[in-house]
Amino acid sequence: MSDSALRGARVLVADVLDLTEPLQEQEWDAPSACRGWQVQDVIAHLAAFFAILADPTAGKPLTPTDPTEAVNEEMVAARRHRTASQVRQEYQQSSQLALEALASMENPAVASRLVCMGDIGSYPLSAMSEAVCFDHLCHLVHDLLAPAGPLQRPRPPLDEVRLAPALDWMLRGLPTMSGPDLAAALDHPVVLELSGPGGRRVRIARDDDTGVRITPAPTVGDDDLVRTEGIAFLAWATHRVSWHDIVALHGDENRVGRVLDRIRVV
């Protein structure tokens, strides 16, 4: 974990607490843009993740065959009997404990220890702050806040502090989360150019050992190219919106399209 990812997690926790403190009952009950979840469910999901980070014994250990999204749904369902005030209180308390736990994961003695996150793969403890940033930013920007979400509140700044660690998580997990179908579509490498805060240029290519390999991309080359804003990448790579409307393709568009259709990040 880098200091920047932990800093991003702390800032995004403050964003959620600021957003939820003044919410009225009808806002807690409003359908979010996350299918099947109300605003309260989204906050319960974030609280549940923090509860596990703060105390790993609070949930059952996951195996590589456990469907992560179904597990998330189970944890939210288990909290639906609670009031909005109780959900926010759990979020407030568990987030502070989890941030302390995340800071302890910087210790080199444990930083490389792998934790299984179900069918989306296993990741070092040092990457958990990245996961928090990704989860928070996706739900805040794309599920809770207008225009996609129901809450008419200002967006938090989409700056390097918040966005860079979220993009780090996405690129770290993309090969595993997208599965073997992505490797099968990569008969030619694709360069992904992310603009805006946290932006970078990476090369996505088939790898005989790992299936898909992501490496820094040169500024010139004959690879197919995809240009998109970093915050838009959060939306289309998680299948909240279609990539067709918000990316610029250069090269063989049919070939690139087959690759983009198979990218999925959770």
C-alpha atoms as a PDB file:
ATOM      1  CA  MET A   1       0.000   0.000   0.000  1.00  0.00           C
ATOM      2  CA  SER A   2       1.230   3.487  -0.719  1.00  0.00           C
ATOM      3  CA  ASP A   3       0.638   6.462   1.531  1.00  0.00           C
ATOM      4  CA  SER A   4      -1.382   7.992  -1.317  1.00  0.00           C
ATOM      5  CA  ALA A   5      -3.928   5.152  -1.292  1.00  0.00           C
ATOM      6  CA  LEU A   6      -4.452   5.431   2.455  1.00  0.00           C
ATOM      7  CA  ARG A   7      -4.794   9.188   2.111  1.00  0.00           C
ATOM      8  CA  GLY A   8      -7.400   8.689  -0.597  1.00  0.00           C
ATOM      9  CA  ALA A   9      -9.350   6.271   1.610  1.00  0.00           C
ATOM     10  CA  ARG A  10      -9.391   8.773   4.457  1.00  0.00           C
ATOM     11  CA  VAL A  11     -10.604  11.578   2.215  1.00  0.00           C
ATOM     12  CA  LEU A  12     -13.359   9.450   0.686  1.00  0.00           C
ATOM     13  CA  VAL A  13     -14.577   8.339   4.119  1.00  0.00           C
ATOM     14  CA  ALA A  14     -14.898  12.007   5.038  1.00  0.00           C
ATOM     15  CA  ASP A  15     -16.828  12.561   1.793  1.00  0.00           C
ATOM     16  CA  VAL A  16     -19.330   9.824   2.692  1.00  0.00           C
ATOM     17  CA  LEU A  17     -19.785  11.123   6.232  1.00  0.00           C
ATOM     18  CA  ASP A  18     -20.352  14.658   4.925  1.00  0.00           C
ATOM     19  CA  LEU A  19     -22.854  13.377   2.350  1.00  0.00           C
ATOM     20  CA  THR A  20     -24.894  11.225   4.713  1.00  0.00           C
ATOM     21  CA  GLU A  21     -25.037  13.469   7.773  1.00  0.00           C
ATOM     22  CA  PRO A  22     -27.833  15.748   6.441  1.00  0.00           C
ATOM     23  CA  LEU A  23     -29.808  13.119   4.471  1.00  0.00           C
ATOM     24  CA  GLN A  24     -33.547  12.986   5.034  1.00  0.00           C
ATOM     25  CA  GLU A  25     -35.555   9.767   5.373  1.00  0.00           C
ATOM     26  CA  GLN A  26     -36.821   9.906   1.798  1.00  0.00           C
ATOM     27  CA  GLU A  27     -33.261  10.277   0.530  1.00  0.00           C
ATOM     28  CA  TRP A  28     -32.078   7.209   2.455  1.00  0.00           C
ATOM     29  CA  ASP A  29     -34.988   5.279   0.934  1.00  0.00           C
ATOM     30  CA  ALA A  30     -34.419   6.492  -2.633  1.00  0.00           C
ATOM     31  CA  PRO A  31     -33.360   3.914  -5.254  1.00  0.00           C
ATOM     32  CA  SER A  32     -29.681   4.293  -6.085  1.00  0.00           C
ATOM     33  CA  ALA A  33     -28.206   3.724  -9.523  1.00  0.00           C
ATOM     34  CA  CYS A  34     -26.813   0.430  -8.186  1.00  0.00           C
ATOM     35  CA  ARG A  35     -29.508  -1.991  -9.310  1.00  0.00           C
ATOM     36  CA  GLY A  36     -31.689  -3.272  -6.466  1.00  0.00           C
ATOM     37  CA  TRP A  37     -30.091  -1.104  -3.789  1.00  0.00           C
ATOM     38  CA  GLN A  38     -31.461   1.966  -2.073  1.00  0.00           C
ATOM     39  CA  VAL A  39     -29.145   4.701  -0.828  1.00  0.00           C
ATOM     40  CA  GLN A  40     -29.157   3.064   2.610  1.00  0.00           C
ATOM     41  CA  ASP A  41     -28.095  -0.261   1.063  1.00  0.00           C
ATOM     42  CA  VAL A  42     -25.076   1.331  -0.604  1.00  0.00           C
ATOM     43  CA  ILE A  43     -23.881   2.804   2.696  1.00  0.00           C
ATOM     44  CA  ALA A  44     -24.543  -0.546   4.404  1.00  0.00           C
ATOM     45  CA  HIS A  45     -22.352  -2.221   1.772  1.00  0.00           C
ATOM     46  CA  LEU A  46     -19.493   0.203   2.422  1.00  0.00           C
ATOM     47  CA  ALA A  47     -19.896  -0.304   6.165  1.00  0.00           C
ATOM     48  CA  ALA A  48     -19.865  -4.088   5.762  1.00  0.00           C
ATOM     49  CA  PHE A  49     -16.577  -4.000   3.832  1.00  0.00           C
ATOM     50  CA  PHE A  50     -15.049  -1.840   6.547  1.00  0.00           C
ATOM     51  CA  ALA A  51     -16.331  -4.177   9.258  1.00  0.00           C
ATOM     52  CA  ILE A  52     -14.452  -7.064   7.612  1.00  0.00           C
ATOM     53  CA  LEU A  53     -11.278  -4.998   7.216  1.00  0.00           C
ATOM     54  CA  ALA A  54     -11.454  -3.945  10.861  1.00  0.00           C
ATOM     55  CA  ASP A  55     -12.092  -7.498  12.064  1.00  0.00           C
ATOM     56  CA  PRO A  56     -11.515 -10.280   9.512  1.00  0.00           C
ATOM     57  CA  THR A  57     -13.136 -12.783  11.889  1.00  0.00           C
ATOM     58  CA  ALA A  58     -16.454 -10.933  11.474  1.00  0.00           C
ATOM     59  CA  GLY A  59     -17.128 -12.771   8.209  1.00  0.00           C
ATOM     60  CA  LYS A  60     -16.420 -16.216   6.836  1.00  0.00           C
ATOM     61  CA  PRO A  61     -13.170 -16.600   4.867  1.00  0.00           C
ATOM     62  CA  LEU A  62     -13.842 -16.564   1.137  1.00  0.00           C
ATOM     63  CA  THR A  63     -12.660 -19.175  -1.327  1.00  0.00           C
ATOM     64  CA  PRO A  64     -11.828 -18.620  -5.012  1.00  0.00           C
ATOM     65  CA  THR A  65     -15.210 -20.066  -5.998  1.00  0.00           C
ATOM     66  CA  ASP A  66     -17.316 -17.775  -3.806  1.00  0.00           C
ATOM     67  CA  PRO A  67     -19.255 -15.268  -5.957  1.00  0.00           C
ATOM     68  CA  THR A  68     -18.132 -11.923  -4.587  1.00  0.00           C
ATOM     69  CA  GLU A  69     -21.170  -9.990  -5.740  1.00  0.00           C
ATOM     70  CA  ALA A  70     -23.534 -12.517  -4.106  1.00  0.00           C
ATOM     71  CA  VAL A  71     -21.550 -12.251  -0.866  1.00  0.00           C
ATOM     72  CA  ASN A  72     -21.894  -8.468  -1.000  1.00  0.00           C
ATOM     73  CA  GLU A  73     -25.639  -8.836  -1.469  1.00  0.00           C
ATOM     74  CA  GLU A  74     -25.863 -11.172   1.530  1.00  0.00           C
ATOM     75  CA  MET A  75     -24.078  -8.682   3.778  1.00  0.00           C
ATOM     76  CA  VAL A  76     -26.399  -5.877   2.684  1.00  0.00           C
ATOM     77  CA  ALA A  77     -29.496  -8.035   3.138  1.00  0.00           C
ATOM     78  CA  ALA A  78     -28.385  -8.850   6.684  1.00  0.00           C
ATOM     79  CA  ARG A  79     -28.487  -5.114   7.483  1.00  0.00           C
ATOM     80  CA  ARG A  80     -31.844  -4.207   5.929  1.00  0.00           C
ATOM     81  CA  HIS A  81     -33.665  -4.396   9.272  1.00  0.00           C
ATOM     82  CA  ARG A  82     -31.566  -1.508  10.574  1.00  0.00           C
ATOM     83  CA  THR A  83     -32.548   2.139  10.558  1.00  0.00           C
ATOM     84  CA  ALA A  84     -30.657   4.671   8.489  1.00  0.00           C
ATOM     85  CA  SER A  85     -29.188   6.079  11.696  1.00  0.00           C
ATOM     86  CA  GLN A  86     -27.893   2.646  12.681  1.00  0.00           C
ATOM     87  CA  VAL A  87     -26.372   2.074   9.238  1.00  0.00           C
ATOM     88  CA  ARG A  88     -24.598   5.427   9.334  1.00  0.00           C
ATOM     89  CA  GLN A  89     -23.382   4.745  12.868  1.00  0.00           C
ATOM     90  CA  GLU A  90     -21.903   1.411  11.791  1.00  0.00           C
ATOM     91  CA  TYR A  91     -20.236   3.094   8.829  1.00  0.00           C
ATOM     92  CA  GLN A  92     -18.791   5.823  11.041  1.00  0.00           C
ATOM     93  CA  GLN A  93     -17.438   3.402  13.638  1.00  0.00           C
ATOM     94  CA  SER A  94     -16.210   0.657  11.319  1.00  0.00           C
ATOM     95  CA  SER A  95     -14.567   3.113   8.933  1.00  0.00           C
ATOM     96  CA  GLN A  96     -12.368   4.526  11.666  1.00  0.00           C
ATOM     97  CA  LEU A  97     -11.355   1.052  12.850  1.00  0.00           C
ATOM     98  CA  ALA A  98     -10.736  -0.050   9.272  1.00  0.00           C
ATOM     99  CA  LEU A  99      -8.555   2.967   8.512  1.00  0.00           C
ATOM    100  CA  GLU A 100      -6.408   2.033  11.493  1.00  0.00           C
ATOM    101  CA  ALA A 101      -6.215  -1.530  10.189  1.00  0.00           C
ATOM    102  CA  LEU A 102      -5.290  -0.312   6.712  1.00  0.00           C
ATOM    103  CA  ALA A 103      -2.471   1.782   8.179  1.00  0.00           C
ATOM    104  CA  SER A 104      -1.132  -1.314   9.961  1.00  0.00           C
ATOM    105  CA  MET A 105      -1.066  -3.148   6.617  1.00  0.00           C
ATOM    106  CA  GLU A 106       1.810  -0.909   5.544  1.00  0.00           C
ATOM    107  CA  ASN A 107       4.030  -3.038   7.789  1.00  0.00           C
ATOM    108  CA  PRO A 108       6.366  -4.922   5.427  1.00  0.00           C
ATOM    109  CA  ALA A 109       5.865  -8.045   7.529  1.00  0.00           C
ATOM    110  CA  VAL A 110       2.238  -8.335   6.378  1.00  0.00           C
ATOM    111  CA  ALA A 111       1.956  -6.090   3.314  1.00  0.00           C
ATOM    112  CA  SER A 112       2.487  -8.881   0.800  1.00  0.00           C
ATOM    113  CA  ARG A 113       0.170 -11.364   2.517  1.00  0.00           C
ATOM    114  CA  LEU A 114      -2.610 -12.394   0.128  1.00  0.00           C
ATOM    115  CA  VAL A 115      -6.282 -12.186   0.993  1.00  0.00           C
ATOM    116  CA  CYS A 116      -8.868 -14.056  -1.072  1.00  0.00           C
ATOM    117  CA  MET A 117     -11.749 -11.861  -2.229  1.00  0.00           C
ATOM    118  CA  GLY A 118     -13.782 -14.651  -3.762  1.00  0.00           C
ATOM    119  CA  ASP A 119     -14.054 -15.095  -7.495  1.00  0.00           C
ATOM    120  CA  ILE A 120     -12.462 -11.718  -8.241  1.00  0.00           C
ATOM    121  CA  GLY A 121      -9.066 -12.993  -7.110  1.00  0.00           C
ATOM    122  CA  SER A 122      -6.544 -12.755  -4.282  1.00  0.00           C
ATOM    123  CA  TYR A 123      -4.708  -9.523  -3.518  1.00  0.00           C
ATOM    124  CA  PRO A 124      -2.004  -8.345  -1.115  1.00  0.00           C
ATOM    125  CA  LEU A 125      -3.080  -6.566   2.035  1.00  0.00           C
ATOM    126  CA  SER A 126      -1.142  -3.590   0.722  1.00  0.00           C
ATOM    127  CA  ALA A 127      -3.809  -3.154  -1.985  1.00  0.00           C
ATOM    128  CA  MET A 128      -6.835  -2.923   0.320  1.00  0.00           C
ATOM    129  CA  SER A 129      -6.740   0.881   0.512  1.00  0.00           C
ATOM    130  CA  GLU A 130      -6.911   0.935  -3.296  1.00  0.00           C
ATOM    131  CA  ALA A 131      -9.993  -1.298  -3.129  1.00  0.00           C
ATOM    132  CA  VAL A 132     -11.617   1.072  -0.626  1.00  0.00           C
ATOM    133  CA  CYS A 133     -10.963   4.063  -2.892  1.00  0.00           C
ATOM    134  CA  PHE A 134     -12.394   2.262  -5.913  1.00  0.00           C
ATOM    135  CA  ASP A 135     -15.515   1.078  -4.070  1.00  0.00           C
ATOM    136  CA  HIS A 136     -16.216   4.457  -2.498  1.00  0.00           C
ATOM    137  CA  LEU A 137     -15.617   6.519  -5.619  1.00  0.00           C
ATOM    138  CA  CYS A 138     -17.749   4.251  -7.827  1.00  0.00           C
ATOM    139  CA  HIS A 139     -20.684   4.295  -5.443  1.00  0.00           C
ATOM    140  CA  LEU A 140     -20.430   8.002  -4.648  1.00  0.00           C
ATOM    141  CA  VAL A 141     -20.057   9.330  -8.167  1.00  0.00           C
ATOM    142  CA  HIS A 142     -21.983   6.788 -10.197  1.00  0.00           C
ATOM    143  CA  ASP A 143     -24.638   5.384  -7.822  1.00  0.00           C
ATOM    144  CA  LEU A 144     -25.498   7.983  -5.184  1.00  0.00           C
ATOM    145  CA  LEU A 145     -24.914  11.451  -6.589  1.00  0.00           C
ATOM    146  CA  ALA A 146     -26.796  13.039  -9.461  1.00  0.00           C
ATOM    147  CA  PRO A 147     -27.036  12.850 -12.397  1.00  0.00           C
ATOM    148  CA  ALA A 148     -27.000   9.028 -12.292  1.00  0.00           C
ATOM    149  CA  GLY A 149     -27.896   8.757  -8.621  1.00  0.00           C
ATOM    150  CA  PRO A 150     -30.788  10.314  -6.665  1.00  0.00           C
ATOM    151  CA  LEU A 151     -28.897  12.684  -4.366  1.00  0.00           C
ATOM    152  CA  GLN A 152     -28.741  16.302  -5.435  1.00  0.00           C
ATOM    153  CA  ARG A 153     -25.469  17.195  -3.718  1.00  0.00           C
ATOM    154  CA  PRO A 154     -22.134  18.504  -5.009  1.00  0.00           C
ATOM    155  CA  ARG A 155     -19.639  15.912  -6.185  1.00  0.00           C
ATOM    156  CA  PRO A 156     -16.429  15.577  -4.199  1.00  0.00           C
ATOM    157  CA  PRO A 157     -13.395  16.854  -6.101  1.00  0.00           C
ATOM    158  CA  LEU A 158     -12.350  14.274  -8.686  1.00  0.00           C
ATOM    159  CA  ASP A 159      -8.676  14.797  -7.955  1.00  0.00           C
ATOM    160  CA  GLU A 160      -5.509  12.738  -7.925  1.00  0.00           C
ATOM    161  CA  VAL A 161      -5.931  11.831  -4.250  1.00  0.00           C
ATOM    162  CA  ARG A 162      -9.294  10.149  -4.824  1.00  0.00           C
ATOM    163  CA  LEU A 163      -8.960   8.853  -8.361  1.00  0.00           C
ATOM    164  CA  ALA A 164      -5.395   7.543  -8.709  1.00  0.00           C
ATOM    165  CA  PRO A 165      -5.726   4.753  -6.094  1.00  0.00           C
ATOM    166  CA  ALA A 166      -9.087   3.706  -7.561  1.00  0.00           C
ATOM    167  CA  LEU A 167      -7.493   3.366 -11.003  1.00  0.00           C
ATOM    168  CA  ASP A 168      -4.579   1.468  -9.462  1.00  0.00           C
ATOM    169  CA  TRP A 169      -7.070  -1.093  -8.115  1.00  0.00           C
ATOM    170  CA  MET A 170      -8.889  -1.384 -11.416  1.00  0.00           C
ATOM    171  CA  LEU A 171      -5.743  -2.080 -13.405  1.00  0.00           C
ATOM    172  CA  ARG A 172      -4.457  -4.443 -10.733  1.00  0.00           C
ATOM    173  CA  GLY A 173      -7.642  -6.519 -10.803  1.00  0.00           C
ATOM    174  CA  LEU A 174      -8.677  -6.208 -14.434  1.00  0.00           C
ATOM    175  CA  PRO A 175      -6.871  -9.338 -15.744  1.00  0.00           C
ATOM    176  CA  THR A 176      -8.404 -11.632 -13.114  1.00  0.00           C
ATOM    177  CA  MET A 177     -11.817  -9.997 -12.886  1.00  0.00           C
ATOM    178  CA  SER A 178     -12.316  -9.953 -16.649  1.00  0.00           C
ATOM    179  CA  GLY A 179     -11.516 -13.655 -16.874  1.00  0.00           C
ATOM    180  CA  PRO A 180     -10.185 -15.799 -19.717  1.00  0.00           C
ATOM    181  CA  ASP A 181     -12.535 -14.275 -22.297  1.00  0.00           C
ATOM    182  CA  LEU A 182     -10.426 -11.108 -22.246  1.00  0.00           C
ATOM    183  CA  ALA A 183      -7.231 -13.027 -22.972  1.00  0.00           C
ATOM    184  CA  ALA A 184      -8.971 -14.819 -25.838  1.00  0.00           C
ATOM    185  CA  ALA A 185      -9.926 -11.477 -27.415  1.00  0.00           C
ATOM    186  CA  LEU A 186      -6.406 -10.038 -27.192  1.00  0.00           C
ATOM    187  CA  ASP A 187      -4.987 -11.269 -30.483  1.00  0.00           C
ATOM    188  CA  HIS A 188      -3.383  -7.814 -30.715  1.00  0.00           C
ATOM    189  CA  PRO A 189      -2.308  -5.593 -27.782  1.00  0.00           C
ATOM    190  CA  VAL A 190      -4.441  -2.584 -26.864  1.00  0.00           C
ATOM    191  CA  VAL A 191      -3.165   0.628 -25.315  1.00  0.00           C
ATOM    192  CA  LEU A 192      -5.493   2.219 -22.760  1.00  0.00           C
ATOM    193  CA  GLU A 193      -4.912   5.929 -22.277  1.00  0.00           C
ATOM    194  CA  LEU A 194      -6.619   7.383 -19.213  1.00  0.00           C
ATOM    195  CA  SER A 195      -6.813  11.161 -19.080  1.00  0.00           C
ATOM    196  CA  GLY A 196      -7.426  13.496 -16.166  1.00  0.00           C
ATOM    197  CA  PRO A 197      -6.325  13.099 -12.528  1.00  0.00           C
ATOM    198  CA  GLY A 198      -4.554   9.797 -11.976  1.00  0.00           C
ATOM    199  CA  GLY A 199      -4.177   9.378 -15.714  1.00  0.00           C
ATOM    200  CA  ARG A 200      -1.729   6.978 -17.245  1.00  0.00           C
ATOM    201  CA  ARG A 201      -1.075   5.021 -20.417  1.00  0.00           C
ATOM    202  CA  VAL A 202      -0.941   1.212 -20.184  1.00  0.00           C
ATOM    203  CA  ARG A 203      -0.627  -1.678 -22.600  1.00  0.00           C
ATOM    204  CA  ILE A 204      -3.009  -4.622 -22.259  1.00  0.00           C
ATOM    205  CA  ALA A 205      -1.678  -7.765 -23.904  1.00  0.00           C
ATOM    206  CA  ARG A 206      -2.074 -11.532 -23.821  1.00  0.00           C
ATOM    207  CA  ASP A 207       0.436 -13.334 -21.632  1.00  0.00           C
ATOM    208  CA  ASP A 208       1.137 -17.061 -21.926  1.00  0.00           C
ATOM    209  CA  ASP A 209       1.655 -17.411 -18.169  1.00  0.00           C
ATOM    210  CA  THR A 210      -0.910 -15.082 -16.596  1.00  0.00           C
ATOM    211  CA  GLY A 211      -3.516 -14.764 -19.365  1.00  0.00           C
ATOM    212  CA  VAL A 212      -3.428 -10.958 -19.504  1.00  0.00           C
ATOM    213  CA  ARG A 213      -0.558  -8.646 -18.665  1.00  0.00           C
ATOM    214  CA  ILE A 214      -0.784  -4.888 -18.101  1.00  0.00           C
ATOM    215  CA  THR A 215       2.390  -2.821 -18.409  1.00  0.00           C
ATOM    216  CA  PRO A 216       3.251   0.864 -18.901  1.00  0.00           C
ATOM    217  CA  ALA A 217       2.829   1.767 -22.556  1.00  0.00           C
ATOM    218  CA  PRO A 218       5.270   3.717 -24.708  1.00  0.00           C
ATOM    219  CA  THR A 219       4.124   7.037 -26.077  1.00  0.00           C
ATOM    220  CA  VAL A 220       4.446   5.768 -29.624  1.00  0.00           C
ATOM    221  CA  GLY A 221       3.700   2.454 -31.251  1.00  0.00           C
ATOM    222  CA  ASP A 222       1.430   0.613 -33.632  1.00  0.00           C
ATOM    223  CA  ASP A 223      -0.943  -0.856 -31.015  1.00  0.00           C
ATOM    224  CA  ASP A 224      -4.663  -0.229 -31.101  1.00  0.00           C
ATOM    225  CA  LEU A 225      -5.529   2.692 -28.819  1.00  0.00           C
ATOM    226  CA  VAL A 226      -8.423   3.509 -26.482  1.00  0.00           C
ATOM    227  CA  ARG A 227      -8.729   7.014 -25.035  1.00  0.00           C
ATOM    228  CA  THR A 228     -11.048   7.718 -22.115  1.00  0.00           C
ATOM    229  CA  GLU A 229     -11.220   9.839 -18.972  1.00  0.00           C
ATOM    230  CA  GLY A 230     -10.253   8.090 -15.767  1.00  0.00           C
ATOM    231  CA  ILE A 231     -13.610   8.767 -14.090  1.00  0.00           C
ATOM    232  CA  ALA A 232     -15.414   7.461 -17.187  1.00  0.00           C
ATOM    233  CA  PHE A 233     -13.319   4.286 -17.003  1.00  0.00           C
ATOM    234  CA  LEU A 234     -14.883   3.632 -13.589  1.00  0.00           C
ATOM    235  CA  ALA A 235     -18.319   3.776 -15.209  1.00  0.00           C
ATOM    236  CA  TRP A 236     -17.865   1.638 -18.311  1.00  0.00           C
ATOM    237  CA  ALA A 237     -15.387  -0.901 -16.946  1.00  0.00           C
ATOM    238  CA  THR A 238     -17.889  -1.714 -14.175  1.00  0.00           C
ATOM    239  CA  HIS A 239     -20.666  -1.972 -16.791  1.00  0.00           C
ATOM    240  CA  ARG A 240     -22.639   0.920 -15.351  1.00  0.00           C
ATOM    241  CA  VAL A 241     -22.701   2.463 -18.836  1.00  0.00           C
ATOM    242  CA  SER A 242     -21.712   1.302 -22.299  1.00  0.00           C
ATOM    243  CA  TRP A 243     -18.191   2.084 -23.461  1.00  0.00           C
ATOM    244  CA  HIS A 244     -19.510   2.846 -26.948  1.00  0.00           C
ATOM    245  CA  ASP A 245     -20.623   6.353 -26.045  1.00  0.00           C
ATOM    246  CA  ILE A 246     -17.645   7.588 -24.025  1.00  0.00           C
ATOM    247  CA  VAL A 247     -14.385   6.259 -25.482  1.00  0.00           C
ATOM    248  CA  ALA A 248     -12.365   7.193 -28.545  1.00  0.00           C
ATOM    249  CA  LEU A 249     -10.968   4.301 -30.557  1.00  0.00           C
ATOM    250  CA  HIS A 250      -7.939   4.392 -32.843  1.00  0.00           C
ATOM    251  CA  GLY A 251      -6.916   1.427 -34.941  1.00  0.00           C
ATOM    252  CA  ASP A 252      -8.992  -1.613 -35.823  1.00  0.00           C
ATOM    253  CA  GLU A 253     -12.318  -0.680 -34.187  1.00  0.00           C
ATOM    254  CA  ASN A 254     -13.826  -4.157 -34.455  1.00  0.00           C
ATOM    255  CA  ARG A 255     -10.780  -5.721 -32.866  1.00  0.00           C
ATOM    256  CA  VAL A 256     -10.658  -3.141 -30.071  1.00  0.00           C
ATOM    257  CA  GLY A 257     -14.395  -3.431 -29.515  1.00  0.00           C
ATOM    258  CA  ARG A 258     -14.093  -7.164 -28.877  1.00  0.00           C
ATOM    259  CA  VAL A 259     -11.558  -6.406 -26.156  1.00  0.00           C
ATOM    260  CA  LEU A 260     -13.604  -3.655 -24.514  1.00  0.00           C
ATOM    261  CA  ASP A 261     -16.689  -5.864 -24.472  1.00  0.00           C
ATOM    262  CA  ARG A 262     -14.780  -8.301 -22.283  1.00  0.00           C
ATOM    263  CA  ILE A 263     -13.335  -5.828 -19.770  1.00  0.00           C
ATOM    264  CA  ARG A 264     -15.100  -5.963 -16.431  1.00  0.00           C
ATOM    265  CA  VAL A 265     -13.993  -4.695 -13.038  1.00  0.00           C
ATOM    266  CA  VAL A 266     -15.782  -5.345  -9.727  1.00  0.00           C
END
